[in-house]
Amino acid sequence: MAEKDNEKMSREEAGRKGGEATSNNHGDEFYKENGEKGGEATSESHDKDFYEKTGKKGGEATSESHDKDFYEKIGKKGGKATSESHDKDFYEKIGKKGGKANSDGDNN
């Protein structure tokens, strides 16, 4: 047993154990509050360029790891959610906006 007490734990194992302990001791609200704090701190210390680069990197990683079916599924899911939360006037407005952009040559 003394031999085991002298063995050092790897950083990976220590992190995993710490994460498990935190998860066991805290609920969803803990993570929600910490996520919001982190998001606010990040937005205060980074500019638009940071978010553009991060979004591009994430988009590229997603496109490399997902196929056409994935995009079809999320497109349908997003379309359904949009249709449930918007009325006919919304679609008329965005249709006019798109039509104007096309007629002005902004579709490139």
C-alpha atoms as a PDB file:
ATOM      1  CA  MET A   1       0.000   0.000   0.000  1.00  0.00           C
ATOM      2  CA  ALA A   2       2.872   2.366   0.761  1.00  0.00           C
ATOM      3  CA  GLU A   3       4.111   1.740  -2.759  1.00  0.00           C
ATOM      4  CA  LYS A   4       0.771   2.895  -4.191  1.00  0.00           C
ATOM      5  CA  ASP A   5       0.845   6.064  -2.052  1.00  0.00           C
ATOM      6  CA  ASN A   6       4.150   7.015  -3.702  1.00  0.00           C
ATOM      7  CA  GLU A   7       2.800   6.648  -7.237  1.00  0.00           C
ATOM      8  CA  LYS A   8       1.968   9.952  -8.878  1.00  0.00           C
ATOM      9  CA  MET A   9      -1.267  10.441 -10.708  1.00  0.00           C
ATOM     10  CA  SER A  10      -1.044  11.658 -14.312  1.00  0.00           C
ATOM     11  CA  ARG A  11      -2.483  15.071 -15.168  1.00  0.00           C
ATOM     12  CA  GLU A  12      -5.064  13.366 -17.326  1.00  0.00           C
ATOM     13  CA  GLU A  13      -6.212  11.124 -14.477  1.00  0.00           C
ATOM     14  CA  ALA A  14      -6.216  14.009 -11.987  1.00  0.00           C
ATOM     15  CA  GLY A  15      -8.282  16.114 -14.374  1.00  0.00           C
ATOM     16  CA  ARG A  16     -10.743  13.314 -14.987  1.00  0.00           C
ATOM     17  CA  LYS A  17     -11.167  12.665 -11.264  1.00  0.00           C
ATOM     18  CA  GLY A  18     -11.578  16.370 -10.562  1.00  0.00           C
ATOM     19  CA  GLY A  19     -14.146  16.691 -13.321  1.00  0.00           C
ATOM     20  CA  GLU A  20     -16.099  13.725 -12.009  1.00  0.00           C
ATOM     21  CA  ALA A  21     -16.060  15.126  -8.469  1.00  0.00           C
ATOM     22  CA  THR A  22     -17.248  18.523  -9.688  1.00  0.00           C
ATOM     23  CA  SER A  23     -19.979  16.888 -11.744  1.00  0.00           C
ATOM     24  CA  ASN A  24     -21.140  14.868  -8.743  1.00  0.00           C
ATOM     25  CA  ASN A  25     -21.204  17.921  -6.479  1.00  0.00           C
ATOM     26  CA  HIS A  26     -22.884  20.457  -8.774  1.00  0.00           C
ATOM     27  CA  GLY A  27     -26.021  20.567 -10.877  1.00  0.00           C
ATOM     28  CA  ASP A  28     -26.949  22.134 -14.191  1.00  0.00           C
ATOM     29  CA  GLU A  29     -27.341  25.611 -12.678  1.00  0.00           C
ATOM     30  CA  PHE A  30     -23.670  25.628 -11.620  1.00  0.00           C
ATOM     31  CA  TYR A  31     -22.545  24.943 -15.181  1.00  0.00           C
ATOM     32  CA  LYS A  32     -25.021  27.421 -16.652  1.00  0.00           C
ATOM     33  CA  GLU A  33     -23.810  30.235 -14.382  1.00  0.00           C
ATOM     34  CA  ASN A  34     -20.161  29.468 -15.054  1.00  0.00           C
ATOM     35  CA  GLY A  35     -20.774  29.271 -18.785  1.00  0.00           C
ATOM     36  CA  GLU A  36     -22.469  32.660 -18.759  1.00  0.00           C
ATOM     37  CA  LYS A  37     -19.600  34.180 -16.763  1.00  0.00           C
ATOM     38  CA  GLY A  38     -17.080  32.716 -19.164  1.00  0.00           C
ATOM     39  CA  GLY A  39     -19.016  33.943 -22.179  1.00  0.00           C
ATOM     40  CA  GLU A  40     -19.226  37.462 -20.768  1.00  0.00           C
ATOM     41  CA  ALA A  41     -15.508  37.507 -19.933  1.00  0.00           C
ATOM     42  CA  THR A  42     -14.645  36.255 -23.421  1.00  0.00           C
ATOM     43  CA  SER A  43     -16.835  38.863 -25.117  1.00  0.00           C
ATOM     44  CA  GLU A  44     -15.196  41.623 -23.061  1.00  0.00           C
ATOM     45  CA  SER A  45     -11.667  40.534 -23.947  1.00  0.00           C
ATOM     46  CA  HIS A  46     -12.085  39.601 -27.630  1.00  0.00           C
ATOM     47  CA  ASP A  47     -13.178  41.486 -30.731  1.00  0.00           C
ATOM     48  CA  LYS A  48     -15.209  40.617 -33.818  1.00  0.00           C
ATOM     49  CA  ASP A  49     -12.128  39.213 -35.563  1.00  0.00           C
ATOM     50  CA  PHE A  50     -11.686  36.600 -32.816  1.00  0.00           C
ATOM     51  CA  TYR A  51     -15.252  35.344 -33.275  1.00  0.00           C
ATOM     52  CA  GLU A  52     -14.927  35.307 -37.069  1.00  0.00           C
ATOM     53  CA  LYS A  53     -11.745  33.200 -36.890  1.00  0.00           C
ATOM     54  CA  THR A  54     -13.248  30.869 -34.281  1.00  0.00           C
ATOM     55  CA  GLY A  55     -16.442  30.439 -36.291  1.00  0.00           C
ATOM     56  CA  LYS A  56     -14.526  29.749 -39.481  1.00  0.00           C
ATOM     57  CA  LYS A  57     -12.331  27.177 -37.743  1.00  0.00           C
ATOM     58  CA  GLY A  58     -15.390  25.472 -36.231  1.00  0.00           C
ATOM     59  CA  GLY A  59     -17.222  25.517 -39.531  1.00  0.00           C
ATOM     60  CA  GLU A  60     -14.292  23.928 -41.323  1.00  0.00           C
ATOM     61  CA  ALA A  61     -13.963  21.224 -38.664  1.00  0.00           C
ATOM     62  CA  THR A  62     -17.701  20.526 -38.843  1.00  0.00           C
ATOM     63  CA  SER A  63     -17.690  20.293 -42.634  1.00  0.00           C
ATOM     64  CA  GLU A  64     -14.790  17.834 -42.521  1.00  0.00           C
ATOM     65  CA  SER A  65     -16.516  15.556 -40.025  1.00  0.00           C
ATOM     66  CA  HIS A  66     -20.102  15.627 -41.323  1.00  0.00           C
ATOM     67  CA  ASP A  67     -21.749  14.655 -44.571  1.00  0.00           C
ATOM     68  CA  LYS A  68     -24.643  15.962 -46.661  1.00  0.00           C
ATOM     69  CA  ASP A  69     -27.212  14.100 -44.524  1.00  0.00           C
ATOM     70  CA  PHE A  70     -26.082  15.989 -41.415  1.00  0.00           C
ATOM     71  CA  TYR A  71     -26.661  19.354 -43.083  1.00  0.00           C
ATOM     72  CA  GLU A  72     -30.024  18.237 -44.455  1.00  0.00           C
ATOM     73  CA  LYS A  73     -31.137  17.196 -40.962  1.00  0.00           C
ATOM     74  CA  ILE A  74     -30.039  20.391 -39.230  1.00  0.00           C
ATOM     75  CA  GLY A  75     -31.492  22.476 -42.069  1.00  0.00           C
ATOM     76  CA  LYS A  76     -34.876  20.812 -41.690  1.00  0.00           C
ATOM     77  CA  LYS A  77     -34.707  21.161 -37.907  1.00  0.00           C
ATOM     78  CA  GLY A  78     -33.876  24.867 -38.197  1.00  0.00           C
ATOM     79  CA  GLY A  79     -36.540  25.428 -40.826  1.00  0.00           C
ATOM     80  CA  LYS A  80     -39.158  23.748 -38.653  1.00  0.00           C
ATOM     81  CA  ALA A  81     -38.171  25.809 -35.596  1.00  0.00           C
ATOM     82  CA  THR A  82     -38.269  29.004 -37.656  1.00  0.00           C
ATOM     83  CA  SER A  83     -41.672  28.198 -39.132  1.00  0.00           C
ATOM     84  CA  GLU A  84     -43.063  27.518 -35.657  1.00  0.00           C
ATOM     85  CA  SER A  85     -41.807  30.820 -34.265  1.00  0.00           C
ATOM     86  CA  HIS A  86     -42.569  33.174 -37.180  1.00  0.00           C
ATOM     87  CA  ASP A  87     -45.694  34.159 -39.039  1.00  0.00           C
ATOM     88  CA  LYS A  88     -46.555  34.987 -42.646  1.00  0.00           C
ATOM     89  CA  ASP A  89     -45.389  38.608 -42.247  1.00  0.00           C
ATOM     90  CA  PHE A  90     -41.892  37.437 -41.357  1.00  0.00           C
ATOM     91  CA  TYR A  91     -41.621  35.411 -44.549  1.00  0.00           C
ATOM     92  CA  GLU A  92     -43.005  38.283 -46.628  1.00  0.00           C
ATOM     93  CA  LYS A  93     -40.373  40.647 -45.194  1.00  0.00           C
ATOM     94  CA  ILE A  94     -37.433  38.318 -45.767  1.00  0.00           C
ATOM     95  CA  GLY A  95     -38.733  37.460 -49.233  1.00  0.00           C
ATOM     96  CA  LYS A  96     -38.878  41.141 -50.174  1.00  0.00           C
ATOM     97  CA  LYS A  97     -35.430  41.707 -48.694  1.00  0.00           C
ATOM     98  CA  GLY A  98     -34.003  38.800 -50.697  1.00  0.00           C
ATOM     99  CA  GLY A  99     -35.761  39.907 -53.849  1.00  0.00           C
ATOM    100  CA  LYS A 100     -34.389  43.430 -53.482  1.00  0.00           C
ATOM    101  CA  ALA A 101     -30.859  42.124 -52.884  1.00  0.00           C
ATOM    102  CA  ASN A 102     -31.105  39.994 -56.031  1.00  0.00           C
ATOM    103  CA  SER A 103     -32.444  42.861 -58.126  1.00  0.00           C
ATOM    104  CA  ASP A 104     -29.670  45.140 -56.816  1.00  0.00           C
ATOM    105  CA  GLY A 105     -27.059  42.531 -57.733  1.00  0.00           C
ATOM    106  CA  ASP A 106     -26.119  41.743 -54.104  1.00  0.00           C
ATOM    107  CA  ASN A 107     -26.475  37.989 -54.553  1.00  0.00           C
ATOM    108  CA  ASN A 108     -22.806  37.354 -55.357  1.00  0.00           C
END
